[in-house]
Structure formats: structure tokens, C-alpha cells
Amino acid sequence: MSDRQSDFVEDGSQAPTSDEELMVAVSRGQADAFTTLFARYKQPVFGFFRRRLADPAQAEELTQETFLAVLSAAERYQPAALFRTYLYAIGFKILRAYRRKKAFRATFLGERFPDREPAIDDAIEAKTVMRDAVGKLDSLDREILLLREFEQLSYAEIADLLRLPLNTVRSRLFRARTALHDLLAAPAPNSHAKHLAESEERI
């Protein structure tokens, strides 16, 4: 739970400031509370999708969809866990639904999608190498690593979000970091040229 300075409403009483208090206020129909939550989490949620999708426009669309889902489910919200865990759980559901739809379209409609996400900034080689290395990790290890290093979730939050034992999260995170270190330390072949040649052979 992040530190927030207290705000006060017009009658002098303290306004909700924690994420959980704000979400309870949203569930009671307070629009300003949702605006505050949206301002706090729009960029983190966009980053969550952007690290997992090739298209920034699609990441933006799923970000909007996530907050719409939060708003539509507000009346059923129960502050049983941290709000950000609740928020990312919704994000994961939307991401899985998007991936299922994309796989269906690729299989039955013949649409082609890139196998890998492009580098965020092709001018910075280090980012390209890091992104490529993260993409080679085991899928579960990669999700745990991203949630820890980029979304800054705690071990307990990750365990709750992915429904894993806490010790599994710790061991898989250690394995992911070790594998990433090994991938970054290994001499890099001209993988882009190889991938391009393989793609041309399949055409």
C-alpha cells in the first residue's frame, strides 16, 4: 500500500486516500475516487500490457478495457486484498481473453501476428537484448519476473495473483533471474538475421 498524503473534503472530514479506501468509495458511486485511481494506475497498467504485447495501441485499448471492467464490477468489490492485486488480476483476465481471441483469429481466419514483441526503442541495443532475453524465459518464470521487477508486486501479492505457493514464487523468481543472467552473459549470435532468414524460408 503506497504512502499518500491525506486529503479533506469540504465538510472537513478526511477523504479516502489509500487505494482500497478509494475503491470502496467507487463502489459507493463516488466518481472522483475512480478518477484518482485511474490517474494513479493508468501508466502502470499500460506498462503491464505494453511489456506483453507488440502493439502499443492495443496495450492502450486493453488498459481502457481494464478500467472499464473495474468500474462495472465496482458494486461487487470487497477489500479482501490490496487493490493493485485486484487490479492486475482483472488485467490478467483481459489479457488472457485477448490472447485467446488472437489465437482463434490466427487459426481460423488466417491472420498472422508477430511471434515476438519489438524492442521498445531500437536505438538502444541494451533494451533490445534484454527484451529478447526475457522473451526466452519459461512463460511462468517470465510473468513472475515481470510482476516483481516491473510491476513491483511483493512475493505475497504475486503468489495471490497467480495462485501459487509463496515458496514457489521465490524459487521460480530465483530461477528466472539466474536464467536471465546466463542469457545476457552468453555471446549473442546474429539472432535477428537468423530469424529473418528462417522467416523468408517459410514464405
N, C-alpha and C. Protein backbone atom coordinates (compact mmCIF):
# COMPACT_ATOMS: atom_id res chain seq x y z
N MET A 1 0.86 -1.18 0.00
CA MET A 1 0.00 0.00 0.00
C MET A 1 0.89 1.23 0.00
N SER A 2 0.70 2.12 -0.94
CA SER A 2 1.59 3.25 -1.08
C SER A 2 1.23 4.35 -0.11
N ASP A 3 2.24 5.19 0.18
CA ASP A 3 2.02 6.32 1.07
C ASP A 3 1.31 7.42 0.32
N ARG A 4 0.27 7.98 0.91
CA ARG A 4 -0.47 9.07 0.29
C ARG A 4 -0.72 10.15 1.34
N GLN A 5 -0.62 11.40 0.95
CA GLN A 5 -0.95 12.45 1.86
C GLN A 5 -2.47 12.54 2.00
N SER A 6 -2.92 12.89 3.19
CA SER A 6 -4.36 12.94 3.44
C SER A 6 -4.99 14.12 2.73
N ASP A 7 -6.17 13.89 2.20
CA ASP A 7 -6.98 14.94 1.58
C ASP A 7 -8.22 15.12 2.44
N PHE A 8 -8.83 16.28 2.31
CA PHE A 8 -10.01 16.55 3.11
C PHE A 8 -11.13 17.05 2.21
N VAL A 9 -12.33 16.58 2.50
CA VAL A 9 -13.49 17.02 1.75
C VAL A 9 -13.98 18.34 2.34
N GLU A 10 -14.99 18.93 1.70
CA GLU A 10 -15.41 20.27 2.08
C GLU A 10 -15.89 20.36 3.52
N ASP A 11 -16.49 19.30 4.07
CA ASP A 11 -17.01 19.38 5.43
C ASP A 11 -15.92 19.18 6.47
N GLY A 12 -14.65 19.04 6.04
CA GLY A 12 -13.55 18.91 6.98
C GLY A 12 -13.17 17.49 7.32
N SER A 13 -13.97 16.52 6.92
CA SER A 13 -13.64 15.13 7.19
C SER A 13 -12.58 14.65 6.22
N GLN A 14 -11.83 13.65 6.64
CA GLN A 14 -10.75 13.14 5.81
C GLN A 14 -11.28 12.32 4.65
N ALA A 15 -10.82 12.63 3.46
CA ALA A 15 -11.24 11.89 2.27
C ALA A 15 -10.44 10.60 2.18
N PRO A 16 -10.98 9.58 1.49
CA PRO A 16 -10.23 8.34 1.33
C PRO A 16 -8.96 8.58 0.52
N THR A 17 -7.85 8.02 0.98
CA THR A 17 -6.58 8.24 0.29
C THR A 17 -5.90 6.94 -0.13
N SER A 18 -6.10 5.85 0.60
CA SER A 18 -5.48 4.59 0.19
C SER A 18 -6.23 4.04 -1.01
N ASP A 19 -5.56 3.18 -1.76
CA ASP A 19 -6.21 2.57 -2.93
C ASP A 19 -7.48 1.84 -2.53
N GLU A 20 -7.39 1.10 -1.44
CA GLU A 20 -8.54 0.30 -1.01
C GLU A 20 -9.70 1.20 -0.57
N GLU A 21 -9.40 2.28 0.15
CA GLU A 21 -10.45 3.21 0.56
C GLU A 21 -11.10 3.87 -0.66
N LEU A 22 -10.27 4.20 -1.62
CA LEU A 22 -10.80 4.82 -2.84
C LEU A 22 -11.71 3.86 -3.59
N MET A 23 -11.32 2.57 -3.66
CA MET A 23 -12.14 1.61 -4.39
C MET A 23 -13.46 1.38 -3.67
N VAL A 24 -13.44 1.39 -2.35
CA VAL A 24 -14.70 1.30 -1.60
C VAL A 24 -15.58 2.50 -1.92
N ALA A 25 -14.95 3.69 -2.02
CA ALA A 25 -15.70 4.89 -2.38
C ALA A 25 -16.28 4.77 -3.79
N VAL A 26 -15.51 4.17 -4.71
CA VAL A 26 -16.00 3.94 -6.07
C VAL A 26 -17.23 3.03 -6.02
N SER A 27 -17.16 1.99 -5.18
CA SER A 27 -18.28 1.05 -5.08
C SER A 27 -19.54 1.72 -4.55
N ARG A 28 -19.35 2.86 -3.91
CA ARG A 28 -20.49 3.62 -3.39
C ARG A 28 -20.91 4.75 -4.33
N GLY A 29 -20.32 4.76 -5.51
CA GLY A 29 -20.75 5.71 -6.53
C GLY A 29 -20.02 7.03 -6.58
N GLN A 30 -18.86 7.13 -5.90
CA GLN A 30 -18.11 8.39 -5.90
C GLN A 30 -17.19 8.45 -7.13
N ALA A 31 -17.57 9.26 -8.10
CA ALA A 31 -16.83 9.33 -9.36
C ALA A 31 -15.42 9.88 -9.18
N ASP A 32 -15.26 10.84 -8.27
CA ASP A 32 -13.93 11.43 -8.06
C ASP A 32 -12.92 10.39 -7.58
N ALA A 33 -13.39 9.41 -6.81
CA ALA A 33 -12.49 8.37 -6.32
C ALA A 33 -11.97 7.53 -7.47
N PHE A 34 -12.83 7.23 -8.43
CA PHE A 34 -12.39 6.47 -9.60
C PHE A 34 -11.39 7.28 -10.42
N THR A 35 -11.64 8.57 -10.56
CA THR A 35 -10.71 9.44 -11.30
C THR A 35 -9.33 9.41 -10.67
N THR A 36 -9.28 9.41 -9.34
CA THR A 36 -8.00 9.36 -8.64
C THR A 36 -7.29 8.04 -8.87
N LEU A 37 -8.03 6.94 -8.77
CA LEU A 37 -7.43 5.62 -9.02
C LEU A 37 -6.94 5.50 -10.45
N PHE A 38 -7.71 6.00 -11.38
CA PHE A 38 -7.32 5.95 -12.79
C PHE A 38 -6.02 6.72 -13.00
N ALA A 39 -5.90 7.90 -12.38
CA ALA A 39 -4.69 8.70 -12.51
C ALA A 39 -3.48 7.99 -11.91
N ARG A 40 -3.69 7.29 -10.81
CA ARG A 40 -2.59 6.58 -10.15
C ARG A 40 -2.10 5.39 -10.95
N TYR A 41 -3.03 4.68 -11.59
CA TYR A 41 -2.68 3.38 -12.16
C TYR A 41 -2.73 3.30 -13.68
N LYS A 42 -3.09 4.37 -14.36
CA LYS A 42 -3.16 4.29 -15.82
C LYS A 42 -1.81 3.90 -16.42
N GLN A 43 -0.74 4.58 -16.03
CA GLN A 43 0.58 4.28 -16.60
C GLN A 43 1.10 2.90 -16.19
N PRO A 44 0.98 2.50 -14.90
CA PRO A 44 1.40 1.15 -14.53
C PRO A 44 0.64 0.06 -15.28
N VAL A 45 -0.65 0.23 -15.47
CA VAL A 45 -1.43 -0.79 -16.18
C VAL A 45 -1.06 -0.81 -17.66
N PHE A 46 -0.86 0.38 -18.24
CA PHE A 46 -0.41 0.43 -19.64
C PHE A 46 0.94 -0.27 -19.77
N GLY A 47 1.85 -0.04 -18.83
CA GLY A 47 3.15 -0.71 -18.85
C GLY A 47 3.01 -2.22 -18.73
N PHE A 48 2.07 -2.66 -17.91
CA PHE A 48 1.79 -4.09 -17.76
C PHE A 48 1.46 -4.72 -19.11
N PHE A 49 0.57 -4.10 -19.86
CA PHE A 49 0.19 -4.63 -21.17
C PHE A 49 1.29 -4.41 -22.21
N ARG A 50 1.96 -3.27 -22.15
CA ARG A 50 2.97 -2.95 -23.16
C ARG A 50 4.13 -3.93 -23.13
N ARG A 51 4.46 -4.43 -21.94
CA ARG A 51 5.56 -5.40 -21.83
C ARG A 51 5.16 -6.77 -22.35
N ARG A 52 3.88 -6.97 -22.61
CA ARG A 52 3.39 -8.28 -23.03
C ARG A 52 2.80 -8.28 -24.44
N LEU A 53 2.67 -7.11 -25.04
CA LEU A 53 2.06 -7.00 -26.36
C LEU A 53 2.95 -6.20 -27.30
N ALA A 54 2.87 -6.53 -28.58
CA ALA A 54 3.70 -5.84 -29.57
C ALA A 54 3.17 -4.46 -29.92
N ASP A 55 1.86 -4.31 -29.91
CA ASP A 55 1.22 -3.10 -30.41
C ASP A 55 0.87 -2.14 -29.27
N PRO A 56 1.48 -0.95 -29.22
CA PRO A 56 1.15 -0.01 -28.14
C PRO A 56 -0.30 0.45 -28.17
N ALA A 57 -0.88 0.54 -29.36
CA ALA A 57 -2.30 0.92 -29.45
C ALA A 57 -3.18 -0.14 -28.80
N GLN A 58 -2.82 -1.41 -29.00
CA GLN A 58 -3.58 -2.49 -28.39
C GLN A 58 -3.41 -2.49 -26.87
N ALA A 59 -2.20 -2.17 -26.42
CA ALA A 59 -1.95 -2.06 -24.97
C ALA A 59 -2.80 -0.96 -24.37
N GLU A 60 -2.93 0.16 -25.08
CA GLU A 60 -3.76 1.26 -24.61
C GLU A 60 -5.23 0.85 -24.56
N GLU A 61 -5.66 0.11 -25.57
CA GLU A 61 -7.06 -0.33 -25.62
C GLU A 61 -7.38 -1.27 -24.45
N LEU A 62 -6.48 -2.20 -24.17
CA LEU A 62 -6.71 -3.13 -23.07
C LEU A 62 -6.61 -2.43 -21.72
N THR A 63 -5.81 -1.38 -21.64
CA THR A 63 -5.76 -0.57 -20.42
C THR A 63 -7.12 0.05 -20.15
N GLN A 64 -7.71 0.64 -21.19
CA GLN A 64 -9.03 1.24 -21.05
C GLN A 64 -10.06 0.17 -20.67
N GLU A 65 -9.95 -0.99 -21.30
CA GLU A 65 -10.89 -2.08 -21.01
C GLU A 65 -10.78 -2.54 -19.56
N THR A 66 -9.57 -2.55 -19.04
CA THR A 66 -9.35 -2.95 -17.65
C THR A 66 -10.06 -2.01 -16.69
N PHE A 67 -9.91 -0.71 -16.91
CA PHE A 67 -10.55 0.25 -16.01
C PHE A 67 -12.07 0.25 -16.17
N LEU A 68 -12.55 -0.02 -17.36
CA LEU A 68 -14.00 -0.15 -17.54
C LEU A 68 -14.52 -1.36 -16.77
N ALA A 69 -13.72 -2.46 -16.77
CA ALA A 69 -14.11 -3.65 -16.01
C ALA A 69 -14.11 -3.37 -14.52
N VAL A 70 -13.12 -2.60 -14.05
CA VAL A 70 -13.08 -2.21 -12.64
C VAL A 70 -14.33 -1.43 -12.28
N LEU A 71 -14.70 -0.50 -13.13
CA LEU A 71 -15.86 0.34 -12.87
C LEU A 71 -17.16 -0.47 -12.89
N SER A 72 -17.28 -1.37 -13.86
CA SER A 72 -18.52 -2.14 -13.98
C SER A 72 -18.69 -3.13 -12.84
N ALA A 73 -17.57 -3.58 -12.25
CA ALA A 73 -17.63 -4.55 -11.14
C ALA A 73 -17.54 -3.88 -9.78
N ALA A 74 -17.55 -2.55 -9.75
CA ALA A 74 -17.31 -1.82 -8.50
C ALA A 74 -18.28 -2.17 -7.39
N GLU A 75 -19.55 -2.37 -7.73
CA GLU A 75 -20.54 -2.65 -6.70
C GLU A 75 -20.27 -3.96 -5.98
N ARG A 76 -19.54 -4.87 -6.63
CA ARG A 76 -19.25 -6.18 -6.02
C ARG A 76 -17.89 -6.21 -5.33
N TYR A 77 -17.18 -5.08 -5.31
CA TYR A 77 -15.83 -5.05 -4.74
C TYR A 77 -15.85 -5.29 -3.24
N GLN A 78 -14.94 -6.17 -2.80
CA GLN A 78 -14.72 -6.42 -1.38
C GLN A 78 -13.23 -6.23 -1.09
N PRO A 79 -12.88 -5.34 -0.17
CA PRO A 79 -11.47 -5.05 0.09
C PRO A 79 -10.76 -6.17 0.86
N ALA A 80 -10.76 -7.36 0.27
CA ALA A 80 -10.13 -8.52 0.93
C ALA A 80 -8.63 -8.58 0.66
N ALA A 81 -8.18 -7.88 -0.38
CA ALA A 81 -6.76 -7.89 -0.75
C ALA A 81 -6.38 -6.49 -1.18
N LEU A 82 -5.09 -6.28 -1.41
CA LEU A 82 -4.65 -4.99 -1.92
C LEU A 82 -5.32 -4.67 -3.25
N PHE A 83 -5.64 -3.41 -3.45
CA PHE A 83 -6.32 -3.03 -4.68
C PHE A 83 -5.49 -3.37 -5.91
N ARG A 84 -4.18 -3.15 -5.84
CA ARG A 84 -3.39 -3.40 -7.05
C ARG A 84 -3.36 -4.87 -7.42
N THR A 85 -3.45 -5.77 -6.43
CA THR A 85 -3.57 -7.19 -6.74
C THR A 85 -4.88 -7.46 -7.46
N TYR A 86 -5.95 -6.84 -6.95
CA TYR A 86 -7.27 -6.94 -7.58
C TYR A 86 -7.23 -6.40 -9.00
N LEU A 87 -6.57 -5.26 -9.19
CA LEU A 87 -6.49 -4.62 -10.49
C LEU A 87 -5.72 -5.47 -11.49
N TYR A 88 -4.56 -5.99 -11.10
CA TYR A 88 -3.77 -6.81 -12.02
C TYR A 88 -4.45 -8.14 -12.32
N ALA A 89 -5.23 -8.65 -11.37
CA ALA A 89 -6.00 -9.88 -11.64
C ALA A 89 -6.99 -9.63 -12.78
N ILE A 90 -7.63 -8.48 -12.76
CA ILE A 90 -8.53 -8.12 -13.86
C ILE A 90 -7.75 -7.97 -15.16
N GLY A 91 -6.57 -7.33 -15.07
CA GLY A 91 -5.72 -7.18 -16.25
C GLY A 91 -5.33 -8.51 -16.85
N PHE A 92 -5.00 -9.47 -16.00
CA PHE A 92 -4.63 -10.81 -16.48
C PHE A 92 -5.81 -11.47 -17.20
N LYS A 93 -7.00 -11.33 -16.66
CA LYS A 93 -8.19 -11.92 -17.30
C LYS A 93 -8.40 -11.32 -18.68
N ILE A 94 -8.26 -10.02 -18.78
CA ILE A 94 -8.45 -9.34 -20.06
C ILE A 94 -7.35 -9.74 -21.04
N LEU A 95 -6.12 -9.87 -20.55
CA LEU A 95 -5.01 -10.29 -21.41
C LEU A 95 -5.22 -11.70 -21.93
N ARG A 96 -5.66 -12.61 -21.06
CA ARG A 96 -5.91 -14.00 -21.49
C ARG A 96 -7.03 -14.05 -22.52
N ALA A 97 -8.08 -13.25 -22.31
CA ALA A 97 -9.18 -13.23 -23.28
C ALA A 97 -8.71 -12.70 -24.62
N TYR A 98 -7.88 -11.67 -24.59
CA TYR A 98 -7.33 -11.11 -25.84
C TYR A 98 -6.48 -12.14 -26.56
N ARG A 99 -5.64 -12.86 -25.82
CA ARG A 99 -4.77 -13.86 -26.44
C ARG A 99 -5.57 -15.01 -27.02
N ARG A 100 -6.64 -15.42 -26.33
CA ARG A 100 -7.50 -16.48 -26.88
C ARG A 100 -8.14 -16.03 -28.17
N LYS A 101 -8.63 -14.79 -28.20
CA LYS A 101 -9.25 -14.27 -29.41
C LYS A 101 -8.23 -14.16 -30.54
N LYS A 102 -7.02 -13.73 -30.21
CA LYS A 102 -5.97 -13.60 -31.22
C LYS A 102 -5.61 -14.97 -31.78
N ALA A 103 -5.51 -15.99 -30.90
CA ALA A 103 -5.18 -17.34 -31.36
C ALA A 103 -6.28 -17.89 -32.25
N PHE A 104 -7.54 -17.61 -31.88
CA PHE A 104 -8.67 -18.07 -32.70
C PHE A 104 -8.62 -17.44 -34.09
N ARG A 105 -8.37 -16.13 -34.12
CA ARG A 105 -8.32 -15.44 -35.41
C ARG A 105 -7.15 -15.92 -36.26
N ALA A 106 -6.02 -16.20 -35.60
CA ALA A 106 -4.87 -16.69 -36.35
C ALA A 106 -5.12 -18.08 -36.92
N THR A 107 -5.84 -18.92 -36.14
CA THR A 107 -6.08 -20.30 -36.56
C THR A 107 -7.17 -20.40 -37.62
N PHE A 108 -8.27 -19.70 -37.39
CA PHE A 108 -9.44 -19.90 -38.25
C PHE A 108 -9.64 -18.82 -39.31
N LEU A 109 -9.01 -17.66 -39.11
CA LEU A 109 -9.16 -16.60 -40.10
C LEU A 109 -7.87 -16.34 -40.87
N GLY A 110 -6.81 -17.06 -40.50
CA GLY A 110 -5.56 -16.96 -41.24
C GLY A 110 -4.78 -15.69 -41.01
N GLU A 111 -5.10 -14.93 -39.94
CA GLU A 111 -4.35 -13.71 -39.67
C GLU A 111 -3.01 -14.07 -39.05
N ARG A 112 -1.98 -13.30 -39.41
CA ARG A 112 -0.64 -13.55 -38.89
C ARG A 112 -0.27 -12.46 -37.90
N PHE A 113 0.40 -12.88 -36.84
CA PHE A 113 0.83 -11.94 -35.82
C PHE A 113 2.31 -12.16 -35.55
N PRO A 114 3.03 -11.12 -35.14
CA PRO A 114 4.45 -11.29 -34.84
C PRO A 114 4.67 -12.26 -33.69
N ASP A 115 5.70 -13.11 -33.80
CA ASP A 115 6.00 -14.08 -32.76
C ASP A 115 6.59 -13.41 -31.53
N ARG A 116 7.23 -12.28 -31.73
CA ARG A 116 7.89 -11.62 -30.62
C ARG A 116 7.49 -10.16 -30.57
N GLU A 117 7.64 -9.59 -29.39
CA GLU A 117 7.40 -8.17 -29.25
C GLU A 117 8.61 -7.41 -29.79
N PRO A 118 8.37 -6.28 -30.47
CA PRO A 118 9.51 -5.50 -30.94
C PRO A 118 10.19 -4.81 -29.77
N ALA A 119 11.41 -4.39 -29.95
CA ALA A 119 12.10 -3.61 -28.93
C ALA A 119 11.38 -2.29 -28.76
N ILE A 120 11.29 -1.82 -27.53
CA ILE A 120 10.63 -0.55 -27.27
C ILE A 120 11.38 0.57 -27.97
N ASP A 121 12.68 0.48 -27.99
CA ASP A 121 13.48 1.52 -28.62
C ASP A 121 14.62 0.85 -29.35
N ASP A 122 14.51 0.75 -30.68
CA ASP A 122 15.52 0.04 -31.46
C ASP A 122 16.87 0.73 -31.40
N ALA A 123 16.88 2.00 -31.02
CA ALA A 123 18.15 2.73 -30.97
C ALA A 123 18.98 2.34 -29.76
N ILE A 124 18.37 1.69 -28.80
CA ILE A 124 19.11 1.32 -27.59
C ILE A 124 19.29 -0.19 -27.59
N GLU A 125 20.49 -0.63 -27.90
CA GLU A 125 20.75 -2.06 -28.07
C GLU A 125 20.52 -2.84 -26.78
N ALA A 126 20.84 -2.23 -25.65
CA ALA A 126 20.69 -2.94 -24.37
C ALA A 126 19.24 -3.33 -24.14
N LYS A 127 18.31 -2.45 -24.49
CA LYS A 127 16.90 -2.77 -24.31
C LYS A 127 16.48 -3.90 -25.24
N THR A 128 17.02 -3.90 -26.43
CA THR A 128 16.70 -4.95 -27.39
C THR A 128 17.17 -6.30 -26.88
N VAL A 129 18.40 -6.34 -26.38
CA VAL A 129 18.97 -7.58 -25.87
C VAL A 129 18.19 -8.07 -24.65
N MET A 130 17.86 -7.15 -23.74
CA MET A 130 17.12 -7.53 -22.54
C MET A 130 15.74 -8.08 -22.89
N ARG A 131 15.06 -7.40 -23.79
CA ARG A 131 13.72 -7.82 -24.19
C ARG A 131 13.75 -9.20 -24.83
N ASP A 132 14.77 -9.44 -25.66
CA ASP A 132 14.92 -10.72 -26.32
C ASP A 132 15.18 -11.82 -25.29
N ALA A 133 16.03 -11.51 -24.31
CA ALA A 133 16.37 -12.50 -23.29
C ALA A 133 15.16 -12.83 -22.41
N VAL A 134 14.41 -11.83 -22.02
CA VAL A 134 13.21 -12.07 -21.20
C VAL A 134 12.22 -12.93 -21.97
N GLY A 135 12.13 -12.71 -23.28
CA GLY A 135 11.22 -13.49 -24.10
C GLY A 135 11.58 -14.97 -24.19
N LYS A 136 12.81 -15.31 -23.87
CA LYS A 136 13.25 -16.70 -23.93
C LYS A 136 13.01 -17.46 -22.63
N LEU A 137 12.60 -16.77 -21.58
CA LEU A 137 12.36 -17.43 -20.30
C LEU A 137 11.11 -18.29 -20.36
N ASP A 138 11.04 -19.27 -19.47
CA ASP A 138 9.81 -20.04 -19.29
C ASP A 138 8.66 -19.06 -19.03
N SER A 139 7.48 -19.33 -19.57
CA SER A 139 6.38 -18.37 -19.51
C SER A 139 6.00 -17.98 -18.08
N LEU A 140 5.93 -18.96 -17.17
CA LEU A 140 5.58 -18.64 -15.79
C LEU A 140 6.70 -17.87 -15.12
N ASP A 141 7.94 -18.28 -15.35
CA ASP A 141 9.08 -17.56 -14.78
C ASP A 141 9.08 -16.12 -15.27
N ARG A 142 8.77 -15.93 -16.55
CA ARG A 142 8.76 -14.59 -17.13
C ARG A 142 7.69 -13.72 -16.47
N GLU A 143 6.49 -14.27 -16.27
CA GLU A 143 5.42 -13.49 -15.64
C GLU A 143 5.80 -13.10 -14.22
N ILE A 144 6.39 -14.03 -13.47
CA ILE A 144 6.79 -13.73 -12.10
C ILE A 144 7.86 -12.65 -12.09
N LEU A 145 8.82 -12.75 -12.99
CA LEU A 145 9.89 -11.75 -13.08
C LEU A 145 9.33 -10.38 -13.42
N LEU A 146 8.43 -10.31 -14.39
CA LEU A 146 7.85 -9.03 -14.79
C LEU A 146 7.03 -8.42 -13.66
N LEU A 147 6.25 -9.25 -12.98
CA LEU A 147 5.43 -8.74 -11.88
C LEU A 147 6.29 -8.20 -10.74
N ARG A 148 7.43 -8.85 -10.52
CA ARG A 148 8.30 -8.42 -9.43
C ARG A 148 9.15 -7.20 -9.82
N GLU A 149 9.79 -7.26 -10.96
CA GLU A 149 10.75 -6.24 -11.33
C GLU A 149 10.11 -5.00 -11.94
N PHE A 150 9.00 -5.15 -12.66
CA PHE A 150 8.39 -4.01 -13.34
C PHE A 150 7.13 -3.53 -12.65
N GLU A 151 6.22 -4.47 -12.31
CA GLU A 151 5.01 -4.05 -11.59
C GLU A 151 5.28 -3.85 -10.11
N GLN A 152 6.43 -4.29 -9.62
CA GLN A 152 6.85 -4.08 -8.23
C GLN A 152 5.90 -4.71 -7.21
N LEU A 153 5.31 -5.85 -7.56
CA LEU A 153 4.47 -6.56 -6.62
C LEU A 153 5.33 -7.32 -5.63
N SER A 154 4.81 -7.50 -4.43
CA SER A 154 5.53 -8.28 -3.42
C SER A 154 5.40 -9.76 -3.73
N TYR A 155 6.21 -10.59 -3.07
CA TYR A 155 6.11 -12.04 -3.25
C TYR A 155 4.71 -12.53 -2.92
N ALA A 156 4.16 -12.01 -1.83
CA ALA A 156 2.82 -12.43 -1.40
C ALA A 156 1.76 -12.04 -2.43
N GLU A 157 1.89 -10.84 -2.98
CA GLU A 157 0.92 -10.39 -3.99
C GLU A 157 1.00 -11.26 -5.25
N ILE A 158 2.22 -11.59 -5.67
CA ILE A 158 2.39 -12.44 -6.84
C ILE A 158 1.80 -13.82 -6.59
N ALA A 159 2.05 -14.36 -5.40
CA ALA A 159 1.51 -15.67 -5.05
C ALA A 159 -0.01 -15.65 -5.09
N ASP A 160 -0.59 -14.57 -4.57
CA ASP A 160 -2.05 -14.44 -4.56
C ASP A 160 -2.59 -14.28 -5.98
N LEU A 161 -1.93 -13.47 -6.77
CA LEU A 161 -2.38 -13.19 -8.13
C LEU A 161 -2.32 -14.42 -9.03
N LEU A 162 -1.22 -15.17 -8.93
CA LEU A 162 -1.02 -16.34 -9.79
C LEU A 162 -1.48 -17.64 -9.14
N ARG A 163 -1.96 -17.55 -7.90
CA ARG A 163 -2.44 -18.72 -7.15
C ARG A 163 -1.35 -19.78 -7.03
N LEU A 164 -0.21 -19.32 -6.53
CA LEU A 164 0.94 -20.19 -6.33
C LEU A 164 1.38 -20.14 -4.88
N PRO A 165 2.01 -21.22 -4.36
CA PRO A 165 2.60 -21.14 -3.03
C PRO A 165 3.70 -20.09 -3.00
N LEU A 166 3.87 -19.44 -1.86
CA LEU A 166 4.87 -18.38 -1.74
C LEU A 166 6.26 -18.89 -2.06
N ASN A 167 6.60 -20.09 -1.59
CA ASN A 167 7.93 -20.65 -1.85
C ASN A 167 8.14 -20.91 -3.33
N THR A 168 7.07 -21.25 -4.04
CA THR A 168 7.19 -21.46 -5.49
C THR A 168 7.53 -20.15 -6.18
N VAL A 169 6.88 -19.07 -5.74
CA VAL A 169 7.19 -17.75 -6.31
C VAL A 169 8.65 -17.41 -6.08
N ARG A 170 9.13 -17.64 -4.87
CA ARG A 170 10.53 -17.33 -4.56
C ARG A 170 11.50 -18.15 -5.42
N SER A 171 11.24 -19.45 -5.52
CA SER A 171 12.15 -20.32 -6.26
C SER A 171 12.10 -20.04 -7.76
N ARG A 172 10.89 -19.79 -8.29
CA ARG A 172 10.78 -19.50 -9.72
C ARG A 172 11.39 -18.15 -10.06
N LEU A 173 11.27 -17.19 -9.16
CA LEU A 173 11.88 -15.89 -9.39
C LEU A 173 13.40 -16.02 -9.39
N PHE A 174 13.93 -16.79 -8.46
CA PHE A 174 15.38 -17.02 -8.43
C PHE A 174 15.83 -17.69 -9.72
N ARG A 175 15.07 -18.68 -10.16
CA ARG A 175 15.41 -19.39 -11.40
C ARG A 175 15.35 -18.45 -12.60
N ALA A 176 14.33 -17.57 -12.64
CA ALA A 176 14.20 -16.63 -13.74
C ALA A 176 15.37 -15.66 -13.78
N ARG A 177 15.75 -15.15 -12.61
CA ARG A 177 16.88 -14.21 -12.56
C ARG A 177 18.18 -14.89 -12.97
N THR A 178 18.36 -16.13 -12.54
CA THR A 178 19.57 -16.87 -12.91
C THR A 178 19.62 -17.13 -14.40
N ALA A 179 18.48 -17.55 -14.96
CA ALA A 179 18.42 -17.83 -16.39
C ALA A 179 18.64 -16.56 -17.20
N LEU A 180 18.06 -15.45 -16.73
CA LEU A 180 18.24 -14.18 -17.43
C LEU A 180 19.70 -13.74 -17.40
N HIS A 181 20.34 -13.92 -16.25
CA HIS A 181 21.76 -13.59 -16.13
C HIS A 181 22.59 -14.40 -17.11
N ASP A 182 22.29 -15.69 -17.21
CA ASP A 182 23.03 -16.57 -18.12
C ASP A 182 22.80 -16.17 -19.58
N LEU A 183 21.55 -15.82 -19.91
CA LEU A 183 21.24 -15.42 -21.29
C LEU A 183 21.96 -14.13 -21.67
N LEU A 184 22.02 -13.20 -20.72
CA LEU A 184 22.67 -11.92 -21.00
C LEU A 184 24.19 -12.05 -21.04
N ALA A 185 24.71 -13.04 -20.31
CA ALA A 185 26.16 -13.23 -20.27
C ALA A 185 26.67 -14.02 -21.47
N ALA A 186 25.79 -14.79 -22.11
CA ALA A 186 26.20 -15.62 -23.24
C ALA A 186 26.50 -14.74 -24.45
N PRO A 187 27.49 -15.15 -25.29
CA PRO A 187 27.75 -14.41 -26.52
C PRO A 187 26.54 -14.47 -27.43
N ALA A 188 26.15 -13.34 -27.98
CA ALA A 188 24.91 -13.27 -28.77
C ALA A 188 25.20 -13.45 -30.24
N PRO A 189 24.64 -14.51 -30.86
CA PRO A 189 24.75 -14.65 -32.31
C PRO A 189 23.85 -13.63 -32.99
N ASN A 190 23.97 -13.54 -34.27
CA ASN A 190 23.13 -12.61 -35.01
C ASN A 190 21.74 -13.21 -35.15
N SER A 191 21.02 -13.20 -34.01
CA SER A 191 19.72 -13.88 -33.95
C SER A 191 18.69 -13.22 -34.85
N HIS A 192 18.78 -11.89 -34.98
CA HIS A 192 17.79 -11.20 -35.81
C HIS A 192 17.92 -11.64 -37.27
N ALA A 193 19.17 -11.72 -37.75
CA ALA A 193 19.38 -12.15 -39.13
C ALA A 193 18.94 -13.59 -39.33
N LYS A 194 19.24 -14.44 -38.33
CA LYS A 194 18.84 -15.85 -38.42
C LYS A 194 17.34 -15.98 -38.46
N HIS A 195 16.66 -15.20 -37.57
CA HIS A 195 15.20 -15.26 -37.52
C HIS A 195 14.60 -14.77 -38.84
N LEU A 196 15.21 -13.71 -39.43
CA LEU A 196 14.73 -13.19 -40.69
C LEU A 196 14.90 -14.21 -41.82
N ALA A 197 16.06 -14.89 -41.80
CA ALA A 197 16.30 -15.90 -42.85
C ALA A 197 15.33 -17.05 -42.73
N GLU A 198 15.06 -17.48 -41.48
CA GLU A 198 14.11 -18.57 -41.27
C GLU A 198 12.72 -18.16 -41.72
N SER A 199 12.37 -16.89 -41.47
CA SER A 199 11.06 -16.42 -41.89
C SER A 199 10.94 -16.41 -43.40
N GLU A 200 12.01 -16.00 -44.09
CA GLU A 200 11.99 -15.95 -45.53
C GLU A 200 11.89 -17.35 -46.13
N GLU A 201 12.51 -18.34 -45.47
CA GLU A 201 12.45 -19.71 -45.95
C GLU A 201 11.03 -20.27 -45.86
N ARG A 202 10.26 -19.79 -44.88
CA ARG A 202 8.90 -20.31 -44.71
C ARG A 202 7.92 -19.68 -45.69
N ILE A 203 8.31 -18.55 -46.28
CA ILE A 203 7.40 -17.85 -47.20
C ILE A 203 7.34 -18.57 -48.54
